[in-house]
Amino acid sequence: MNARLLAAFLCLAAVSTGCVIEDNGPRYPGDVRMMWTFDGARCDEMRDVKGVDITIGGELLENGGRYPCNANGFDGIVLHDFAPGAYAFDAVAVDYENVALFTYHGTFVVDGDVSVNVNFPAGGTGTGTYAEINWKFPTEAGSQYPTCGQAGVAFVDARVDDGVWAHFKCFEGSEGRSVSTPDLAPGQHFLEVVAMDSLERPLYYFGGAFTAVAGVPASVTAETYAIGGAAVGWELYEGSVRLSCSQAGVTEVGVNFQDIYTGQWVYGVAGQWFSCNEAPAIFEFLRPGRYFVSFQASGTAGRFYESRDDLAPIDVFAHDFPGVKDALYAPLDRTK
């Protein structure tokens, strides 16, 4: 460090306001060009940030030190006509309610024009991150996405990682708007979105993973798909004798749906499990299509029950949700 810069930082340590360094060399006023990022992210990646408030001890700044995050394509601000000297400053990135999201403390020395890089650290003022969520509804190829009204959607429920469902009016996360999740730990997360009509009947669904990075809010678009439902039940048999759950020693029954065209299982290898006495089981988030339904259950004394191979497939239609009275019951035969 040269003698002039050393003197500047000694001056800075002594006072919080700007000061002039006295030496035998020339001293030059200058402009301060501040440029900011958010752990490397730009303003257009930080849609929750409205602006940045700057405070420099002893200086009266234009507009009270409040500046937009991006102005004329520039993530930053140029502050004019600073006297030569060393300065300490604080920068606070705020949201649209003027709540602090990120903070930064730094210093700079003016001896002519100077550039200052402000990289708000990961985590902002909190310990984690969050995600900005928006949703879209199915459309024909080449067509514009329908609005909430065109899709018949009034409300949207969303949750992350099996957390509490949050309830929104559809427009809050549509057509350029988004909603924020609660604070999230950095890493992988799973988002679920259910779009409903005015009677809160489910119409569209999205389930998908996303990655959250510390200090940089994730932006997630839920590309929903039309859904239908099914109600299915089971009856346990040993030969021609029908058994109750307790007689068969069965406590749980596993159910799964296999797409007859793709062969894919809707609920992975394990399926969904229900109390044996819970029949019929209601499913609300199935893609329209034709499915084979598989049932399995284990009882006492090594008994095992499963659905018959000749069980007829079922059809699932968009926005159709059979109730308990319309449930299809399958016989489960003891195989061992």
C-alpha atoms as a PDB file:
ATOM      1  CA  MET A   1       0.000   0.000   0.000  1.00  0.00           C
ATOM      2  CA  ASN A   2       1.430   3.391  -0.938  1.00  0.00           C
ATOM      3  CA  ALA A   3       1.825   6.202   1.593  1.00  0.00           C
ATOM      4  CA  ARG A   4      -1.189   8.125   0.310  1.00  0.00           C
ATOM      5  CA  LEU A   5      -3.563   5.175   0.638  1.00  0.00           C
ATOM      6  CA  LEU A   6      -2.128   4.300   4.038  1.00  0.00           C
ATOM      7  CA  ALA A   7      -2.781   7.836   5.228  1.00  0.00           C
ATOM      8  CA  ALA A   8      -6.319   7.652   3.859  1.00  0.00           C
ATOM      9  CA  PHE A   9      -7.122   4.509   5.800  1.00  0.00           C
ATOM     10  CA  LEU A  10      -5.587   5.876   8.970  1.00  0.00           C
ATOM     11  CA  CYS A  11      -7.826   8.895   8.530  1.00  0.00           C
ATOM     12  CA  LEU A  12     -10.790   6.599   7.999  1.00  0.00           C
ATOM     13  CA  ALA A  13     -10.028   4.750  11.212  1.00  0.00           C
ATOM     14  CA  ALA A  14     -10.041   7.998  13.128  1.00  0.00           C
ATOM     15  CA  VAL A  15     -13.358   9.466  11.920  1.00  0.00           C
ATOM     16  CA  SER A  16     -16.524   8.282  10.262  1.00  0.00           C
ATOM     17  CA  THR A  17     -16.883  11.265   7.940  1.00  0.00           C
ATOM     18  CA  GLY A  18     -14.958  12.141   4.824  1.00  0.00           C
ATOM     19  CA  CYS A  19     -11.606  13.864   5.374  1.00  0.00           C
ATOM     20  CA  VAL A  20      -8.842  15.343   3.270  1.00  0.00           C
ATOM     21  CA  ILE A  21      -5.404  13.750   3.408  1.00  0.00           C
ATOM     22  CA  GLU A  22      -2.688  16.338   3.759  1.00  0.00           C
ATOM     23  CA  ASP A  23       0.567  15.496   2.004  1.00  0.00           C
ATOM     24  CA  ASN A  24       2.825  17.074  -0.570  1.00  0.00           C
ATOM     25  CA  GLY A  25       1.066  15.437  -3.538  1.00  0.00           C
ATOM     26  CA  PRO A  26      -1.914  16.729  -5.516  1.00  0.00           C
ATOM     27  CA  ARG A  27      -5.434  15.934  -4.321  1.00  0.00           C
ATOM     28  CA  TYR A  28      -8.274  15.356  -6.740  1.00  0.00           C
ATOM     29  CA  PRO A  29     -12.032  15.336  -6.189  1.00  0.00           C
ATOM     30  CA  GLY A  30     -14.017  12.759  -8.106  1.00  0.00           C
ATOM     31  CA  ASP A  31     -17.179  10.806  -8.773  1.00  0.00           C
ATOM     32  CA  VAL A  32     -17.984   7.546  -6.972  1.00  0.00           C
ATOM     33  CA  ARG A  33     -19.347   4.829  -9.246  1.00  0.00           C
ATOM     34  CA  MET A  34     -21.078   2.191  -7.088  1.00  0.00           C
ATOM     35  CA  MET A  35     -22.006  -1.126  -8.668  1.00  0.00           C
ATOM     36  CA  TRP A  36     -23.901  -3.810  -6.745  1.00  0.00           C
ATOM     37  CA  THR A  37     -24.576  -7.504  -7.016  1.00  0.00           C
ATOM     38  CA  PHE A  38     -26.155 -10.053  -4.676  1.00  0.00           C
ATOM     39  CA  ASP A  39     -23.665 -12.866  -4.134  1.00  0.00           C
ATOM     40  CA  GLY A  40     -22.982 -12.446  -7.850  1.00  0.00           C
ATOM     41  CA  ALA A  41     -26.629 -12.140  -8.942  1.00  0.00           C
ATOM     42  CA  ARG A  42     -27.954  -9.124 -10.868  1.00  0.00           C
ATOM     43  CA  CYS A  43     -30.963  -6.951 -10.088  1.00  0.00           C
ATOM     44  CA  ASP A  44     -33.069  -8.668 -12.759  1.00  0.00           C
ATOM     45  CA  GLU A  45     -32.451 -11.942 -10.900  1.00  0.00           C
ATOM     46  CA  MET A  46     -33.540 -10.384  -7.602  1.00  0.00           C
ATOM     47  CA  ARG A  47     -37.122  -9.416  -8.284  1.00  0.00           C
ATOM     48  CA  ASP A  48     -37.864  -8.826  -4.620  1.00  0.00           C
ATOM     49  CA  VAL A  49     -35.291  -6.020  -4.406  1.00  0.00           C
ATOM     50  CA  LYS A  50     -36.792  -2.602  -5.142  1.00  0.00           C
ATOM     51  CA  GLY A  51     -33.749  -0.449  -4.457  1.00  0.00           C
ATOM     52  CA  VAL A  52     -30.599   0.244  -2.484  1.00  0.00           C
ATOM     53  CA  ASP A  53     -30.287   2.849   0.262  1.00  0.00           C
ATOM     54  CA  ILE A  54     -26.828   4.401   0.669  1.00  0.00           C
ATOM     55  CA  THR A  55     -25.543   6.194   3.762  1.00  0.00           C
ATOM     56  CA  ILE A  56     -22.161   7.935   3.795  1.00  0.00           C
ATOM     57  CA  GLY A  57     -21.160   9.658   7.015  1.00  0.00           C
ATOM     58  CA  GLY A  58     -21.233  13.440   6.722  1.00  0.00           C
ATOM     59  CA  GLU A  59     -22.599  13.452   3.160  1.00  0.00           C
ATOM     60  CA  LEU A  60     -25.973  14.642   1.932  1.00  0.00           C
ATOM     61  CA  LEU A  61     -26.940  12.384  -0.961  1.00  0.00           C
ATOM     62  CA  GLU A  62     -29.427  13.042  -3.711  1.00  0.00           C
ATOM     63  CA  ASN A  63     -32.931  11.655  -3.079  1.00  0.00           C
ATOM     64  CA  GLY A  64     -31.991  10.959   0.525  1.00  0.00           C
ATOM     65  CA  GLY A  65     -29.649   8.210  -0.567  1.00  0.00           C
ATOM     66  CA  ARG A  66     -32.460   6.031  -1.963  1.00  0.00           C
ATOM     67  CA  TYR A  67     -31.803   4.580  -5.415  1.00  0.00           C
ATOM     68  CA  PRO A  68     -33.485   2.003  -7.672  1.00  0.00           C
ATOM     69  CA  CYS A  69     -31.751  -1.347  -7.964  1.00  0.00           C
ATOM     70  CA  ASN A  70     -31.381  -0.839 -11.715  1.00  0.00           C
ATOM     71  CA  ALA A  71     -31.481   2.486 -13.515  1.00  0.00           C
ATOM     72  CA  ASN A  72     -31.193   2.681 -17.296  1.00  0.00           C
ATOM     73  CA  GLY A  73     -29.726  -0.804 -17.480  1.00  0.00           C
ATOM     74  CA  PHE A  74     -27.114  -0.145 -14.778  1.00  0.00           C
ATOM     75  CA  ASP A  75     -27.100  -2.006 -11.454  1.00  0.00           C
ATOM     76  CA  GLY A  76     -25.738   0.828  -9.371  1.00  0.00           C
ATOM     77  CA  ILE A  77     -25.434   4.582  -9.061  1.00  0.00           C
ATOM     78  CA  VAL A  78     -22.882   7.304  -9.799  1.00  0.00           C
ATOM     79  CA  LEU A  79     -22.430   9.800  -6.943  1.00  0.00           C
ATOM     80  CA  HIS A  80     -20.899  13.071  -8.086  1.00  0.00           C
ATOM     81  CA  ASP A  81     -18.337  15.578  -6.796  1.00  0.00           C
ATOM     82  CA  PHE A  82     -16.763  14.018  -3.748  1.00  0.00           C
ATOM     83  CA  ALA A  83     -13.903  15.816  -2.071  1.00  0.00           C
ATOM     84  CA  PRO A  84     -10.674  13.843  -1.871  1.00  0.00           C
ATOM     85  CA  GLY A  85     -10.524  11.657   1.211  1.00  0.00           C
ATOM     86  CA  ALA A  86     -11.517   8.368   2.794  1.00  0.00           C
ATOM     87  CA  TYR A  87     -15.153   7.433   3.392  1.00  0.00           C
ATOM     88  CA  ALA A  88     -17.123   4.731   5.172  1.00  0.00           C
ATOM     89  CA  PHE A  89     -20.550   3.764   3.853  1.00  0.00           C
ATOM     90  CA  ASP A  90     -23.486   1.463   4.461  1.00  0.00           C
ATOM     91  CA  ALA A  91     -25.692  -0.020   1.748  1.00  0.00           C
ATOM     92  CA  VAL A  92     -29.074  -1.623   2.422  1.00  0.00           C
ATOM     93  CA  ALA A  93     -31.065  -3.433  -0.270  1.00  0.00           C
ATOM     94  CA  VAL A  94     -34.797  -3.090   0.413  1.00  0.00           C
ATOM     95  CA  ASP A  95     -37.977  -4.714  -0.880  1.00  0.00           C
ATOM     96  CA  TYR A  96     -41.150  -2.997  -2.084  1.00  0.00           C
ATOM     97  CA  GLU A  97     -42.258  -2.440   1.516  1.00  0.00           C
ATOM     98  CA  ASN A  98     -38.860  -0.856   2.312  1.00  0.00           C
ATOM     99  CA  VAL A  99     -37.912  -3.838   4.446  1.00  0.00           C
ATOM    100  CA  ALA A 100     -34.165  -4.557   4.537  1.00  0.00           C
ATOM    101  CA  LEU A 101     -33.196  -7.719   2.660  1.00  0.00           C
ATOM    102  CA  PHE A 102     -29.409  -7.357   2.375  1.00  0.00           C
ATOM    103  CA  THR A 103     -26.848  -5.168   4.133  1.00  0.00           C
ATOM    104  CA  TYR A 104     -23.266  -4.200   3.328  1.00  0.00           C
ATOM    105  CA  HIS A 105     -20.616  -2.043   5.026  1.00  0.00           C
ATOM    106  CA  GLY A 106     -17.582  -0.793   3.142  1.00  0.00           C
ATOM    107  CA  THR A 107     -15.025   1.940   2.570  1.00  0.00           C
ATOM    108  CA  PHE A 108     -13.516   3.800  -0.350  1.00  0.00           C
ATOM    109  CA  VAL A 109     -10.922   6.510  -1.001  1.00  0.00           C
ATOM    110  CA  VAL A 110     -11.466   9.408  -3.387  1.00  0.00           C
ATOM    111  CA  ASP A 111      -8.463  10.759  -5.271  1.00  0.00           C
ATOM    112  CA  GLY A 112     -10.087  11.299  -8.634  1.00  0.00           C
ATOM    113  CA  ASP A 113     -12.935   9.144  -9.915  1.00  0.00           C
ATOM    114  CA  VAL A 114     -13.334   5.803  -8.109  1.00  0.00           C
ATOM    115  CA  SER A 115     -15.348   2.589  -8.660  1.00  0.00           C
ATOM    116  CA  VAL A 116     -16.760   0.658  -5.709  1.00  0.00           C
ATOM    117  CA  ASN A 117     -18.029  -2.923  -6.058  1.00  0.00           C
ATOM    118  CA  VAL A 118     -20.766  -3.750  -3.539  1.00  0.00           C
ATOM    119  CA  ASN A 119     -21.448  -7.498  -3.460  1.00  0.00           C
ATOM    120  CA  PHE A 120     -24.144  -8.109  -0.888  1.00  0.00           C
ATOM    121  CA  PRO A 121     -23.188 -11.340   0.908  1.00  0.00           C
ATOM    122  CA  ALA A 122     -25.146 -14.581   0.643  1.00  0.00           C
ATOM    123  CA  GLY A 123     -27.924 -14.859   3.181  1.00  0.00           C
ATOM    124  CA  GLY A 124     -28.817 -11.159   3.222  1.00  0.00           C
ATOM    125  CA  THR A 125     -30.045 -10.148   6.653  1.00  0.00           C
ATOM    126  CA  GLY A 126     -31.280 -13.670   7.384  1.00  0.00           C
ATOM    127  CA  THR A 127     -29.715 -17.112   7.571  1.00  0.00           C
ATOM    128  CA  GLY A 128     -31.215 -18.748   4.486  1.00  0.00           C
ATOM    129  CA  THR A 129     -32.957 -17.970   1.238  1.00  0.00           C
ATOM    130  CA  TYR A 130     -36.416 -18.277  -0.304  1.00  0.00           C
ATOM    131  CA  ALA A 131     -38.122 -18.777  -3.654  1.00  0.00           C
ATOM    132  CA  GLU A 132     -40.344 -16.607  -5.839  1.00  0.00           C
ATOM    133  CA  ILE A 133     -43.168 -18.742  -7.243  1.00  0.00           C
ATOM    134  CA  ASN A 134     -45.427 -18.119 -10.230  1.00  0.00           C
ATOM    135  CA  TRP A 135     -47.813 -20.443 -12.052  1.00  0.00           C
ATOM    136  CA  LYS A 136     -49.005 -21.092 -15.569  1.00  0.00           C
ATOM    137  CA  PHE A 137     -51.823 -23.197 -16.966  1.00  0.00           C
ATOM    138  CA  PRO A 138     -51.823 -25.599 -19.937  1.00  0.00           C
ATOM    139  CA  THR A 139     -52.071 -24.150 -23.405  1.00  0.00           C
ATOM    140  CA  GLU A 140     -52.156 -25.343 -26.968  1.00  0.00           C
ATOM    141  CA  ALA A 141     -48.834 -25.324 -28.818  1.00  0.00           C
ATOM    142  CA  GLY A 142     -48.031 -21.828 -30.065  1.00  0.00           C
ATOM    143  CA  SER A 143     -50.784 -20.192 -28.028  1.00  0.00           C
ATOM    144  CA  GLN A 144     -50.411 -17.762 -25.164  1.00  0.00           C
ATOM    145  CA  TYR A 145     -50.820 -19.054 -21.643  1.00  0.00           C
ATOM    146  CA  PRO A 146     -54.394 -18.533 -20.432  1.00  0.00           C
ATOM    147  CA  THR A 147     -55.109 -16.052 -17.677  1.00  0.00           C
ATOM    148  CA  CYS A 148     -56.603 -17.163 -14.383  1.00  0.00           C
ATOM    149  CA  GLY A 149     -60.068 -16.253 -15.640  1.00  0.00           C
ATOM    150  CA  GLN A 150     -59.603 -18.062 -18.941  1.00  0.00           C
ATOM    151  CA  ALA A 151     -58.401 -21.171 -17.108  1.00  0.00           C
ATOM    152  CA  GLY A 152     -61.294 -20.975 -14.655  1.00  0.00           C
ATOM    153  CA  VAL A 153     -58.916 -20.715 -11.688  1.00  0.00           C
ATOM    154  CA  ALA A 154     -59.837 -18.570  -8.672  1.00  0.00           C
ATOM    155  CA  PHE A 155     -57.458 -19.836  -5.976  1.00  0.00           C
ATOM    156  CA  VAL A 156     -54.069 -21.517  -5.741  1.00  0.00           C
ATOM    157  CA  ASP A 157     -52.649 -23.505  -2.839  1.00  0.00           C
ATOM    158  CA  ALA A 158     -48.895 -24.034  -2.653  1.00  0.00           C
ATOM    159  CA  ARG A 159     -46.442 -25.645  -0.271  1.00  0.00           C
ATOM    160  CA  VAL A 160     -42.767 -26.598  -0.101  1.00  0.00           C
ATOM    161  CA  ASP A 161     -41.422 -29.895   1.281  1.00  0.00           C
ATOM    162  CA  ASP A 162     -44.704 -31.127   2.800  1.00  0.00           C
ATOM    163  CA  GLY A 163     -44.997 -27.865   4.738  1.00  0.00           C
ATOM    164  CA  VAL A 164     -48.175 -25.955   5.516  1.00  0.00           C
ATOM    165  CA  TRP A 165     -50.312 -25.121   2.490  1.00  0.00           C
ATOM    166  CA  ALA A 166     -50.482 -21.395   1.704  1.00  0.00           C
ATOM    167  CA  HIS A 167     -53.672 -20.065   0.088  1.00  0.00           C
ATOM    168  CA  PHE A 168     -53.556 -17.386  -2.636  1.00  0.00           C
ATOM    169  CA  LYS A 169     -55.857 -15.660  -5.045  1.00  0.00           C
ATOM    170  CA  CYS A 170     -54.828 -16.845  -8.498  1.00  0.00           C
ATOM    171  CA  PHE A 171     -53.780 -13.430  -9.832  1.00  0.00           C
ATOM    172  CA  GLU A 172     -51.165 -13.036  -7.072  1.00  0.00           C
ATOM    173  CA  GLY A 173     -48.786 -15.432  -8.844  1.00  0.00           C
ATOM    174  CA  SER A 174     -49.847 -15.049 -12.465  1.00  0.00           C
ATOM    175  CA  GLU A 175     -49.239 -12.757 -15.451  1.00  0.00           C
ATOM    176  CA  GLY A 176     -45.875 -11.395 -14.312  1.00  0.00           C
ATOM    177  CA  ARG A 177     -46.549 -11.512 -10.570  1.00  0.00           C
ATOM    178  CA  SER A 178     -45.116 -13.939  -8.042  1.00  0.00           C
ATOM    179  CA  VAL A 179     -45.460 -14.986  -4.410  1.00  0.00           C
ATOM    180  CA  SER A 180     -42.676 -15.686  -1.934  1.00  0.00           C
ATOM    181  CA  THR A 181     -42.076 -18.840   0.053  1.00  0.00           C
ATOM    182  CA  PRO A 182     -41.072 -18.767   3.715  1.00  0.00           C
ATOM    183  CA  ASP A 183     -37.331 -18.846   4.444  1.00  0.00           C
ATOM    184  CA  LEU A 184     -35.641 -21.932   3.024  1.00  0.00           C
ATOM    185  CA  ALA A 185     -32.351 -23.627   3.748  1.00  0.00           C
ATOM    186  CA  PRO A 186     -30.007 -23.762   0.742  1.00  0.00           C
ATOM    187  CA  GLY A 187     -30.327 -27.018  -1.204  1.00  0.00           C
ATOM    188  CA  GLN A 188     -32.957 -29.150  -2.930  1.00  0.00           C
ATOM    189  CA  HIS A 189     -36.662 -28.567  -2.257  1.00  0.00           C
ATOM    190  CA  PHE A 190     -39.959 -29.832  -3.666  1.00  0.00           C
ATOM    191  CA  LEU A 191     -42.799 -27.508  -4.658  1.00  0.00           C
ATOM    192  CA  GLU A 192     -46.473 -28.457  -4.987  1.00  0.00           C
ATOM    193  CA  VAL A 193     -49.116 -26.187  -6.498  1.00  0.00           C
ATOM    194  CA  VAL A 194     -52.849 -26.903  -6.737  1.00  0.00           C
ATOM    195  CA  ALA A 195     -55.047 -24.543  -8.776  1.00  0.00           C
ATOM    196  CA  MET A 196     -58.774 -24.503  -7.929  1.00  0.00           C
ATOM    197  CA  ASP A 197     -62.005 -23.022  -9.181  1.00  0.00           C
ATOM    198  CA  SER A 198     -64.228 -20.643  -7.211  1.00  0.00           C
ATOM    199  CA  LEU A 199     -65.697 -23.600  -5.278  1.00  0.00           C
ATOM    200  CA  GLU A 200     -62.129 -24.716  -4.439  1.00  0.00           C
ATOM    201  CA  ARG A 201     -62.348 -27.841  -6.574  1.00  0.00           C
ATOM    202  CA  PRO A 202     -58.868 -28.813  -7.883  1.00  0.00           C
ATOM    203  CA  LEU A 203     -58.317 -28.239 -11.600  1.00  0.00           C
ATOM    204  CA  TYR A 204     -54.541 -28.168 -12.175  1.00  0.00           C
ATOM    205  CA  TYR A 205     -51.491 -29.488 -10.352  1.00  0.00           C
ATOM    206  CA  PHE A 206     -47.723 -29.099 -10.343  1.00  0.00           C
ATOM    207  CA  GLY A 207     -45.106 -31.014  -8.402  1.00  0.00           C
ATOM    208  CA  GLY A 208     -41.397 -30.496  -9.008  1.00  0.00           C
ATOM    209  CA  ALA A 209     -37.981 -30.028  -7.447  1.00  0.00           C
ATOM    210  CA  PHE A 210     -35.916 -26.841  -7.411  1.00  0.00           C
ATOM    211  CA  THR A 211     -32.597 -25.722  -5.940  1.00  0.00           C
ATOM    212  CA  ALA A 212     -32.257 -22.835  -3.474  1.00  0.00           C
ATOM    213  CA  VAL A 213     -28.922 -20.982  -3.264  1.00  0.00           C
ATOM    214  CA  ALA A 214     -27.958 -19.024  -0.161  1.00  0.00           C
ATOM    215  CA  GLY A 215     -28.695 -15.308  -0.537  1.00  0.00           C
ATOM    216  CA  VAL A 216     -30.092 -15.634  -4.076  1.00  0.00           C
ATOM    217  CA  PRO A 217     -33.858 -16.237  -4.185  1.00  0.00           C
ATOM    218  CA  ALA A 218     -34.841 -19.029  -6.553  1.00  0.00           C
ATOM    219  CA  SER A 219     -37.350 -18.274  -9.301  1.00  0.00           C
ATOM    220  CA  VAL A 220     -39.706 -21.195  -9.947  1.00  0.00           C
ATOM    221  CA  THR A 221     -42.430 -21.376 -12.586  1.00  0.00           C
ATOM    222  CA  ALA A 222     -45.041 -24.041 -11.867  1.00  0.00           C
ATOM    223  CA  GLU A 223     -46.107 -25.355 -15.286  1.00  0.00           C
ATOM    224  CA  THR A 224     -49.328 -26.969 -14.093  1.00  0.00           C
ATOM    225  CA  TYR A 225     -51.246 -29.722 -15.857  1.00  0.00           C
ATOM    226  CA  ALA A 226     -54.941 -30.590 -15.856  1.00  0.00           C
ATOM    227  CA  ILE A 227     -55.879 -33.186 -13.269  1.00  0.00           C
ATOM    228  CA  GLY A 228     -58.670 -35.618 -12.549  1.00  0.00           C
ATOM    229  CA  GLY A 229     -59.364 -38.037  -9.766  1.00  0.00           C
ATOM    230  CA  ALA A 230     -60.240 -41.570  -8.809  1.00  0.00           C
ATOM    231  CA  ALA A 231     -61.827 -43.278  -5.841  1.00  0.00           C
ATOM    232  CA  VAL A 232     -60.779 -46.899  -5.341  1.00  0.00           C
ATOM    233  CA  GLY A 233     -61.402 -49.436  -2.629  1.00  0.00           C
ATOM    234  CA  TRP A 234     -60.570 -53.060  -1.860  1.00  0.00           C
ATOM    235  CA  GLU A 235     -62.065 -56.258  -0.490  1.00  0.00           C
ATOM    236  CA  LEU A 236     -59.984 -59.113   0.913  1.00  0.00           C
ATOM    237  CA  TYR A 237     -60.681 -62.697  -0.118  1.00  0.00           C
ATOM    238  CA  GLU A 238     -59.385 -66.132   0.800  1.00  0.00           C
ATOM    239  CA  GLY A 239     -60.829 -68.304  -1.912  1.00  0.00           C
ATOM    240  CA  SER A 240     -64.478 -67.346  -2.111  1.00  0.00           C
ATOM    241  CA  VAL A 241     -64.618 -66.153   1.493  1.00  0.00           C
ATOM    242  CA  ARG A 242     -64.550 -62.427   2.074  1.00  0.00           C
ATOM    243  CA  LEU A 243     -62.524 -61.359   5.107  1.00  0.00           C
ATOM    244  CA  SER A 244     -62.506 -58.248   7.220  1.00  0.00           C
ATOM    245  CA  CYS A 245     -59.223 -56.413   7.722  1.00  0.00           C
ATOM    246  CA  SER A 246     -58.916 -57.837  11.224  1.00  0.00           C
ATOM    247  CA  GLN A 247     -59.682 -61.386  10.066  1.00  0.00           C
ATOM    248  CA  ALA A 248     -56.958 -61.140   7.433  1.00  0.00           C
ATOM    249  CA  GLY A 249     -54.577 -59.425   9.846  1.00  0.00           C
ATOM    250  CA  VAL A 250     -54.119 -56.581   7.339  1.00  0.00           C
ATOM    251  CA  THR A 251     -53.418 -53.089   8.672  1.00  0.00           C
ATOM    252  CA  GLU A 252     -52.343 -51.273   5.472  1.00  0.00           C
ATOM    253  CA  VAL A 253     -53.054 -51.546   1.759  1.00  0.00           C
ATOM    254  CA  GLY A 254     -50.731 -50.192  -0.943  1.00  0.00           C
ATOM    255  CA  VAL A 255     -52.230 -48.633  -4.073  1.00  0.00           C
ATOM    256  CA  ASN A 256     -50.515 -47.559  -7.272  1.00  0.00           C
ATOM    257  CA  PHE A 257     -51.487 -46.492 -10.785  1.00  0.00           C
ATOM    258  CA  GLN A 258     -49.656 -47.616 -13.926  1.00  0.00           C
ATOM    259  CA  ASP A 259     -50.132 -45.723 -17.185  1.00  0.00           C
ATOM    260  CA  ILE A 260     -51.182 -48.402 -19.669  1.00  0.00           C
ATOM    261  CA  TYR A 261     -49.434 -46.605 -22.552  1.00  0.00           C
ATOM    262  CA  THR A 262     -46.097 -45.641 -20.995  1.00  0.00           C
ATOM    263  CA  GLY A 263     -45.855 -48.304 -18.292  1.00  0.00           C
ATOM    264  CA  GLN A 264     -44.831 -45.664 -15.740  1.00  0.00           C
ATOM    265  CA  TRP A 265     -45.986 -45.915 -12.146  1.00  0.00           C
ATOM    266  CA  VAL A 266     -47.545 -42.732 -10.811  1.00  0.00           C
ATOM    267  CA  TYR A 267     -46.320 -43.210  -7.238  1.00  0.00           C
ATOM    268  CA  GLY A 268     -42.944 -44.791  -7.905  1.00  0.00           C
ATOM    269  CA  VAL A 269     -42.142 -48.308  -6.821  1.00  0.00           C
ATOM    270  CA  ALA A 270     -43.601 -48.051  -3.317  1.00  0.00           C
ATOM    271  CA  GLY A 271     -47.061 -46.660  -4.141  1.00  0.00           C
ATOM    272  CA  GLN A 272     -49.363 -44.905  -1.676  1.00  0.00           C
ATOM    273  CA  TRP A 273     -50.373 -46.689   1.529  1.00  0.00           C
ATOM    274  CA  PHE A 274     -53.656 -46.431   3.417  1.00  0.00           C
ATOM    275  CA  SER A 275     -55.182 -47.910   6.521  1.00  0.00           C
ATOM    276  CA  CYS A 276     -57.011 -51.087   5.546  1.00  0.00           C
ATOM    277  CA  ASN A 277     -60.239 -49.681   6.973  1.00  0.00           C
ATOM    278  CA  GLU A 278     -59.801 -46.412   5.056  1.00  0.00           C
ATOM    279  CA  ALA A 279     -61.352 -47.718   1.832  1.00  0.00           C
ATOM    280  CA  PRO A 280     -62.153 -46.146  -0.485  1.00  0.00           C
ATOM    281  CA  ALA A 281     -59.007 -44.081  -1.023  1.00  0.00           C
ATOM    282  CA  ILE A 282     -59.435 -40.766  -2.844  1.00  0.00           C
ATOM    283  CA  PHE A 283     -56.872 -39.556  -5.419  1.00  0.00           C
ATOM    284  CA  GLU A 284     -57.165 -35.994  -6.751  1.00  0.00           C
ATOM    285  CA  PHE A 285     -53.954 -35.213  -8.621  1.00  0.00           C
ATOM    286  CA  LEU A 286     -53.890 -37.723 -11.471  1.00  0.00           C
ATOM    287  CA  ARG A 287     -53.140 -36.780 -15.047  1.00  0.00           C
ATOM    288  CA  PRO A 288     -55.998 -37.656 -17.385  1.00  0.00           C
ATOM    289  CA  GLY A 289     -55.434 -41.054 -18.973  1.00  0.00           C
ATOM    290  CA  ARG A 290     -56.042 -44.788 -18.636  1.00  0.00           C
ATOM    291  CA  TYR A 291     -54.445 -46.706 -15.780  1.00  0.00           C
ATOM    292  CA  PHE A 292     -54.061 -50.175 -14.375  1.00  0.00           C
ATOM    293  CA  VAL A 293     -54.585 -50.052 -10.610  1.00  0.00           C
ATOM    294  CA  SER A 294     -52.420 -52.245  -8.416  1.00  0.00           C
ATOM    295  CA  PHE A 295     -53.205 -53.251  -4.818  1.00  0.00           C
ATOM    296  CA  GLN A 296     -51.124 -55.188  -2.297  1.00  0.00           C
ATOM    297  CA  ALA A 297     -51.320 -55.984   1.401  1.00  0.00           C
ATOM    298  CA  SER A 298     -49.592 -58.157   3.969  1.00  0.00           C
ATOM    299  CA  GLY A 299     -51.424 -59.933   6.791  1.00  0.00           C
ATOM    300  CA  THR A 300     -50.593 -62.133   9.737  1.00  0.00           C
ATOM    301  CA  ALA A 301     -48.943 -65.553   9.443  1.00  0.00           C
ATOM    302  CA  GLY A 302     -47.216 -64.590   6.222  1.00  0.00           C
ATOM    303  CA  ARG A 303     -50.429 -63.923   4.317  1.00  0.00           C
ATOM    304  CA  PHE A 304     -50.065 -61.733   1.221  1.00  0.00           C
ATOM    305  CA  TYR A 305     -52.905 -60.264  -0.814  1.00  0.00           C
ATOM    306  CA  GLU A 306     -52.838 -58.592  -4.224  1.00  0.00           C
ATOM    307  CA  SER A 307     -55.209 -57.525  -6.970  1.00  0.00           C
ATOM    308  CA  ARG A 308     -56.088 -59.847  -9.813  1.00  0.00           C
ATOM    309  CA  ASP A 309     -54.259 -59.655 -13.133  1.00  0.00           C
ATOM    310  CA  ASP A 310     -57.512 -59.263 -15.034  1.00  0.00           C
ATOM    311  CA  LEU A 311     -58.588 -56.158 -13.121  1.00  0.00           C
ATOM    312  CA  ALA A 312     -60.036 -53.740 -15.669  1.00  0.00           C
ATOM    313  CA  PRO A 313     -58.230 -50.414 -16.162  1.00  0.00           C
ATOM    314  CA  ILE A 314     -59.829 -47.148 -15.126  1.00  0.00           C
ATOM    315  CA  ASP A 315     -60.107 -43.902 -17.057  1.00  0.00           C
ATOM    316  CA  VAL A 316     -59.262 -40.560 -15.456  1.00  0.00           C
ATOM    317  CA  PHE A 317     -60.778 -37.445 -17.027  1.00  0.00           C
ATOM    318  CA  ALA A 318     -59.670 -33.849 -16.570  1.00  0.00           C
ATOM    319  CA  HIS A 319     -61.572 -32.007 -13.827  1.00  0.00           C
ATOM    320  CA  ASP A 320     -63.629 -35.131 -12.996  1.00  0.00           C
ATOM    321  CA  PHE A 321     -63.403 -36.305  -9.381  1.00  0.00           C
ATOM    322  CA  PRO A 322     -65.499 -39.371  -8.526  1.00  0.00           C
ATOM    323  CA  GLY A 323     -66.745 -39.400  -4.960  1.00  0.00           C
ATOM    324  CA  VAL A 324     -67.002 -42.172  -2.415  1.00  0.00           C
ATOM    325  CA  LYS A 325     -70.334 -43.357  -3.849  1.00  0.00           C
ATOM    326  CA  ASP A 326     -68.679 -43.832  -7.239  1.00  0.00           C
ATOM    327  CA  ALA A 327     -65.640 -45.701  -5.934  1.00  0.00           C
ATOM    328  CA  LEU A 328     -64.441 -48.779  -7.770  1.00  0.00           C
ATOM    329  CA  TYR A 329     -63.758 -51.757  -5.509  1.00  0.00           C
ATOM    330  CA  ALA A 330     -61.177 -54.387  -6.351  1.00  0.00           C
ATOM    331  CA  PRO A 331     -61.005 -57.924  -4.921  1.00  0.00           C
ATOM    332  CA  LEU A 332     -57.650 -58.714  -3.327  1.00  0.00           C
ATOM    333  CA  ASP A 333     -56.921 -62.441  -3.332  1.00  0.00           C
ATOM    334  CA  ARG A 334     -54.590 -64.199  -0.945  1.00  0.00           C
ATOM    335  CA  THR A 335     -51.596 -65.438  -2.937  1.00  0.00           C
ATOM    336  CA  LYS A 336     -49.618 -67.032  -0.107  1.00  0.00           C
END
